[in-house]
Structure formats: structure tokens, C-alpha cells
């Protein structure tokens, strides 16, 4: 597989995300917004909330960092991923395959054969129909 690449729209597909989780949020992880702070984010882990975007670098606790919300992002797989799979957040915000009724962050544009591998993800948040 070729090296994954991020494609960010010229209009500015990057927004701030404030990490107030108590731990570092790793790079290439799916996150959702919180209601506890302005721009607050936390890992998206179960598909029950609308995802916000993908971290572009690790974000230390108490600090803000860049979250890609548009375009094609680089994402870390938590499971094997195939092109075209609908993606939601799994363990620690790593990518998981969505099931009916779950919120999704988008669709895999490349594949990953195992946990920890990087792949390209077309960002298009929504909900997977039941």
C-alpha cells in the first residue's frame, strides 16, 4: 500500500479541539465534541454520538490541537478496514467498522489490514441507516 495522505480543503477543513480528558489524545484518532468546554473534544468510542473529526497530531491534556473536519484524513485503524467501509470510532478513537444505526465519521478510501495501521478516510459524518 502507498503512504496514506491527508487532503484538506482550501476553505479550511481544520478546527481547534481542546483536550480536557485527563490524558493525551493520540494523533489520527476520531473525536467527538463535548459540552464541558468551548471546542472541547474527547475520543469517539461507541458510535452513539456524531463524530467531529480526526486529530492531526497528539493533543496533550489541557491543550488545544488541530482536528481535521473536512476532506480526506489519515486515520488509525483499530481493526482491519477495507475500501468503502463505513467508519465509526472504536477503542480510544481508533477506527471501527460501523453497524446499522451507528453514527459514522465517513468512508474508508484505502485499506488497513490490522490494528495500528494508517489508512485514508473520506470525512462525511452522518448516521448509518438501520
Protein backbone atom coordinates (compact mmCIF):
# COMPACT_ATOMS: atom_id res chain seq x y z
CA UNK A 1 0.00 0.00 0.00
CA UNK A 2 1.18 3.51 -0.73
CA UNK A 3 1.79 6.07 2.01
CA UNK A 4 -1.53 7.50 3.33
CA UNK A 5 -2.03 11.20 2.65
CA UNK A 6 -4.28 13.84 4.13
CA UNK A 7 -6.19 16.16 1.81
CA UNK A 8 -7.59 19.27 3.46
CA UNK A 9 -9.96 21.56 1.57
CA UNK A 10 -8.67 25.05 0.77
CA UNK A 11 -11.59 26.63 2.62
CA UNK A 12 -10.15 25.49 5.92
CA UNK A 13 -11.13 21.99 6.98
CA UNK A 14 -9.19 22.26 10.26
CA UNK A 15 -10.73 23.35 13.57
CA UNK A 16 -9.39 23.58 17.12
CA UNK A 17 -10.06 20.85 19.63
CA UNK A 18 -9.46 21.32 23.38
CA UNK A 19 -8.48 18.16 25.21
CA UNK A 20 -9.80 18.12 28.79
CA UNK A 21 -9.97 14.32 29.15
CA UNK A 22 -7.12 13.92 31.65
CA UNK A 23 -4.93 12.03 29.15
CA UNK A 24 -3.32 12.65 25.78
CA UNK A 25 -5.45 12.03 22.69
CA UNK A 26 -3.21 10.34 20.12
CA UNK A 27 -2.81 11.55 16.53
CA UNK A 28 -5.02 10.11 13.78
CA UNK A 29 -7.87 9.38 16.21
CA UNK A 30 -11.58 10.02 15.73
CA UNK A 31 -13.01 12.53 18.20
CA UNK A 32 -16.38 13.99 19.12
CA UNK A 33 -17.34 17.34 20.66
CA UNK A 34 -18.03 17.66 24.38
CA UNK A 35 -20.32 20.06 26.21
CA UNK A 36 -17.87 20.74 29.04
CA UNK A 37 -15.69 23.38 27.35
CA UNK A 38 -15.57 25.60 24.27
CA UNK A 39 -14.05 23.48 21.46
CA UNK A 40 -13.85 20.51 23.88
CA UNK A 41 -13.20 17.09 22.35
CA UNK A 42 -12.93 13.51 23.53
CA UNK A 43 -12.28 10.22 21.68
CA UNK A 44 -15.31 8.94 19.77
CA UNK A 45 -15.64 5.38 21.05
CA UNK A 46 -19.02 3.79 20.51
CA UNK A 47 -20.89 5.18 17.52
CA UNK A 48 -23.69 6.69 19.64
CA UNK A 49 -22.76 10.37 19.09
CA UNK A 50 -21.97 12.37 15.98
CA UNK A 51 -18.20 12.37 15.39
CA UNK A 52 -16.44 15.71 14.88
CA UNK A 53 -13.21 14.88 13.06
CA UNK A 54 -9.76 13.30 13.22
CA UNK A 55 -6.79 14.58 15.25
CA UNK A 56 -3.85 15.68 13.11
CA UNK A 57 -1.28 15.36 15.92
CA UNK A 58 -1.33 14.16 19.51
CA UNK A 59 -3.14 16.62 21.81
CA UNK A 60 -1.90 16.79 25.40
CA UNK A 61 -4.41 17.11 28.23
CA UNK A 62 -5.33 20.75 28.80
CA UNK A 63 -4.14 21.87 25.38
CA UNK A 64 -5.82 22.57 22.05
CA UNK A 65 -4.77 20.94 18.82
CA UNK A 66 -5.84 20.63 15.19
CA UNK A 67 -8.81 18.47 14.23
CA UNK A 68 -9.47 17.81 10.54
CA UNK A 69 -13.21 18.00 9.85
CA UNK A 70 -13.31 18.06 6.02
CA UNK A 71 -11.57 16.33 3.16
CA UNK A 72 -9.53 13.13 3.36
CA UNK A 73 -7.85 12.43 6.70
CA UNK A 74 -5.27 9.93 7.88
CA UNK A 75 -6.84 7.66 10.48
CA UNK A 76 -5.53 4.83 12.67
CA UNK A 77 -7.35 1.52 12.37
CA UNK A 78 -8.45 -0.46 15.40
CA UNK A 79 -9.49 -3.38 13.18
CA UNK A 80 -8.93 -4.47 9.59
CA UNK A 81 -10.54 -1.92 7.24
CA UNK A 82 -11.44 -2.32 3.57
CA UNK A 83 -12.03 0.40 0.98
CA UNK A 84 -15.62 1.61 1.13
CA UNK A 85 -16.24 0.54 4.74
CA UNK A 86 -18.34 2.94 6.81
CA UNK A 87 -16.21 4.02 9.78
CA UNK A 88 -17.08 4.93 13.37
CA UNK A 89 -14.96 5.39 16.50
CA UNK A 90 -13.76 2.35 18.41
CA UNK A 91 -11.32 1.79 21.28
CA UNK A 92 -9.54 5.07 22.17
CA UNK A 93 -10.91 6.68 18.99
CA UNK A 94 -9.30 4.21 16.60
CA UNK A 95 -11.39 3.36 13.54
CA UNK A 96 -14.01 0.62 13.78
CA UNK A 97 -16.49 -0.71 11.21
CA UNK A 98 -19.92 0.86 11.79
CA UNK A 99 -23.08 -1.21 12.16
CA UNK A 100 -26.66 -0.21 11.34
CA UNK A 101 -27.88 2.81 13.29
CA UNK A 102 -24.44 3.99 14.42
CA UNK A 103 -23.03 7.43 13.71
CA UNK A 104 -20.19 7.41 11.19
CA UNK A 105 -17.26 9.74 10.51
CA UNK A 106 -17.03 8.71 6.85
CA UNK A 107 -15.89 6.06 4.40
CA UNK A 108 -12.51 4.33 4.05
CA UNK A 109 -10.66 5.47 0.90
CA UNK A 110 -7.85 2.94 1.38
CA UNK A 111 -7.46 -0.19 3.44
CA UNK A 112 -5.65 -1.30 6.59
CA UNK A 113 -5.00 -4.96 7.32
CA UNK A 114 -4.68 -4.73 11.11
CA UNK A 115 -4.92 -2.69 14.31
CA UNK A 116 -2.49 0.24 14.38
CA UNK A 117 -2.18 0.70 10.63
CA UNK A 118 -2.95 4.04 8.98
CA UNK A 119 -5.45 4.45 6.17
CA UNK A 120 -7.15 7.26 4.25
CA UNK A 121 -10.63 8.28 5.40
CA UNK A 122 -13.06 10.47 3.44
CA UNK A 123 -14.76 12.60 6.08
CA UNK A 124 -18.55 12.70 5.75
CA UNK A 125 -20.18 12.43 9.20
CA UNK A 126 -23.71 11.08 9.43
CA UNK A 127 -25.62 8.04 10.59
CA UNK A 128 -25.63 4.59 9.00
CA UNK A 129 -29.24 3.68 8.16
CA UNK A 130 -30.81 0.82 10.09
